[in-house]
């Protein structure tokens, strides 16, 4: 298990009508038809992957950031990234 709580930068972009999120360190790659659905999907899979890969023992301590926003919160209402 890693010693400090990690913070991962997730690359988020839109391609061919789909929103895509990628991080090679966790690793995750997922897509959804909307930005809000993409955030839901990321928070659905990232905590489990972080635990399985030894990044965190408590999935609630996982921190995600994107180039569009400083932190991707599980409960935040975020503006559209345009």
C-alpha atoms as a PDB file:
ATOM      1  CA  UNK A   1       0.000   0.000   0.000  1.00  0.00           C
ATOM      2  CA  UNK A   2       1.289   3.451  -0.893  1.00  0.00           C
ATOM      3  CA  UNK A   3       1.943   5.794   2.063  1.00  0.00           C
ATOM      4  CA  UNK A   4       0.164   9.023   1.134  1.00  0.00           C
ATOM      5  CA  UNK A   5      -3.264   9.614  -0.346  1.00  0.00           C
ATOM      6  CA  UNK A   6      -2.779   9.795  -4.104  1.00  0.00           C
ATOM      7  CA  UNK A   7      -4.338  12.326  -6.409  1.00  0.00           C
ATOM      8  CA  UNK A   8      -4.723  11.309 -10.036  1.00  0.00           C
ATOM      9  CA  UNK A   9      -5.154  13.546 -13.050  1.00  0.00           C
ATOM     10  CA  UNK A  10      -7.792  12.132 -15.365  1.00  0.00           C
ATOM     11  CA  UNK A  11      -7.660  13.251 -18.985  1.00  0.00           C
ATOM     12  CA  UNK A  12     -11.183  14.108 -20.102  1.00  0.00           C
ATOM     13  CA  UNK A  13     -12.046  14.843 -23.711  1.00  0.00           C
ATOM     14  CA  UNK A  14     -14.829  14.554 -26.241  1.00  0.00           C
ATOM     15  CA  UNK A  15     -14.425  12.515 -29.410  1.00  0.00           C
ATOM     16  CA  UNK A  16     -17.011  11.440 -31.993  1.00  0.00           C
ATOM     17  CA  UNK A  17     -19.908  12.418 -29.725  1.00  0.00           C
ATOM     18  CA  UNK A  18     -18.631  10.503 -26.681  1.00  0.00           C
ATOM     19  CA  UNK A  19     -16.986  11.809 -23.523  1.00  0.00           C
ATOM     20  CA  UNK A  20     -13.815   9.893 -22.642  1.00  0.00           C
ATOM     21  CA  UNK A  21     -11.792   9.696 -19.414  1.00  0.00           C
ATOM     22  CA  UNK A  22      -8.328   8.142 -19.239  1.00  0.00           C
ATOM     23  CA  UNK A  23      -5.641   7.737 -16.597  1.00  0.00           C
ATOM     24  CA  UNK A  24      -2.693   5.418 -17.186  1.00  0.00           C
ATOM     25  CA  UNK A  25      -1.538   5.313 -13.539  1.00  0.00           C
ATOM     26  CA  UNK A  26      -4.711   3.844 -12.005  1.00  0.00           C
ATOM     27  CA  UNK A  27      -5.308   2.601 -14.871  1.00  0.00           C
ATOM     28  CA  UNK A  28      -8.754   3.541 -16.162  1.00  0.00           C
ATOM     29  CA  UNK A  29     -10.297   4.261 -19.539  1.00  0.00           C
ATOM     30  CA  UNK A  30     -14.034   4.724 -19.935  1.00  0.00           C
ATOM     31  CA  UNK A  31     -16.565   6.625 -21.995  1.00  0.00           C
ATOM     32  CA  UNK A  32     -20.131   7.889 -21.797  1.00  0.00           C
ATOM     33  CA  UNK A  33     -22.561   9.857 -23.943  1.00  0.00           C
ATOM     34  CA  UNK A  34     -22.520  12.922 -21.617  1.00  0.00           C
ATOM     35  CA  UNK A  35     -20.063  14.616 -19.296  1.00  0.00           C
ATOM     36  CA  UNK A  36     -22.205  14.000 -16.210  1.00  0.00           C
ATOM     37  CA  UNK A  37     -22.585  10.308 -17.088  1.00  0.00           C
ATOM     38  CA  UNK A  38     -18.830  10.125 -17.601  1.00  0.00           C
ATOM     39  CA  UNK A  39     -18.214  11.474 -14.077  1.00  0.00           C
ATOM     40  CA  UNK A  40     -20.621   8.892 -12.681  1.00  0.00           C
ATOM     41  CA  UNK A  41     -18.847   6.143 -14.594  1.00  0.00           C
ATOM     42  CA  UNK A  42     -15.389   7.277 -13.444  1.00  0.00           C
ATOM     43  CA  UNK A  43     -16.531   7.272  -9.806  1.00  0.00           C
ATOM     44  CA  UNK A  44     -18.136   3.879 -10.334  1.00  0.00           C
ATOM     45  CA  UNK A  45     -14.892   2.202 -11.436  1.00  0.00           C
ATOM     46  CA  UNK A  46     -11.940   4.271 -10.159  1.00  0.00           C
ATOM     47  CA  UNK A  47     -12.230   3.528  -6.406  1.00  0.00           C
ATOM     48  CA  UNK A  48     -12.320  -0.238  -6.922  1.00  0.00           C
ATOM     49  CA  UNK A  49      -9.398  -0.112  -9.352  1.00  0.00           C
ATOM     50  CA  UNK A  50      -7.398   2.068  -6.939  1.00  0.00           C
ATOM     51  CA  UNK A  51      -7.939  -0.455  -4.125  1.00  0.00           C
ATOM     52  CA  UNK A  52      -7.115  -3.451  -6.338  1.00  0.00           C
ATOM     53  CA  UNK A  53      -3.874  -1.791  -7.476  1.00  0.00           C
ATOM     54  CA  UNK A  54      -2.818  -0.865  -3.929  1.00  0.00           C
ATOM     55  CA  UNK A  55      -3.134   2.925  -4.286  1.00  0.00           C
ATOM     56  CA  UNK A  56      -5.606   3.243  -1.381  1.00  0.00           C
ATOM     57  CA  UNK A  57      -7.050   0.922   1.229  1.00  0.00           C
ATOM     58  CA  UNK A  58     -10.118   3.140   1.714  1.00  0.00           C
ATOM     59  CA  UNK A  59     -11.747   3.980  -1.645  1.00  0.00           C
ATOM     60  CA  UNK A  60     -13.284   7.148  -0.140  1.00  0.00           C
ATOM     61  CA  UNK A  61      -9.789   8.643   0.139  1.00  0.00           C
ATOM     62  CA  UNK A  62      -9.226   8.567  -3.604  1.00  0.00           C
ATOM     63  CA  UNK A  63      -8.782  12.027  -5.153  1.00  0.00           C
ATOM     64  CA  UNK A  64      -9.264  12.701  -8.846  1.00  0.00           C
ATOM     65  CA  UNK A  65      -8.485  15.852 -10.814  1.00  0.00           C
ATOM     66  CA  UNK A  66      -8.910  16.761 -14.441  1.00  0.00           C
ATOM     67  CA  UNK A  67      -7.290  19.358 -16.623  1.00  0.00           C
ATOM     68  CA  UNK A  68     -10.693  21.101 -16.783  1.00  0.00           C
ATOM     69  CA  UNK A  69     -11.390  21.236 -13.032  1.00  0.00           C
ATOM     70  CA  UNK A  70      -9.138  21.189  -9.941  1.00  0.00           C
ATOM     71  CA  UNK A  71     -10.928  18.245  -8.345  1.00  0.00           C
ATOM     72  CA  UNK A  72     -13.584  15.859  -9.595  1.00  0.00           C
ATOM     73  CA  UNK A  73     -15.872  15.539  -6.610  1.00  0.00           C
ATOM     74  CA  UNK A  74     -18.389  12.757  -6.258  1.00  0.00           C
ATOM     75  CA  UNK A  75     -21.152  15.197  -5.313  1.00  0.00           C
ATOM     76  CA  UNK A  76     -20.178  18.481  -6.974  1.00  0.00           C
ATOM     77  CA  UNK A  77     -22.265  20.185  -9.600  1.00  0.00           C
ATOM     78  CA  UNK A  78     -19.742  21.074 -12.245  1.00  0.00           C
ATOM     79  CA  UNK A  79     -20.088  23.514 -15.110  1.00  0.00           C
ATOM     80  CA  UNK A  80     -19.784  22.191 -18.625  1.00  0.00           C
ATOM     81  CA  UNK A  81     -16.125  22.192 -19.735  1.00  0.00           C
ATOM     82  CA  UNK A  82     -16.603  24.348 -22.822  1.00  0.00           C
END
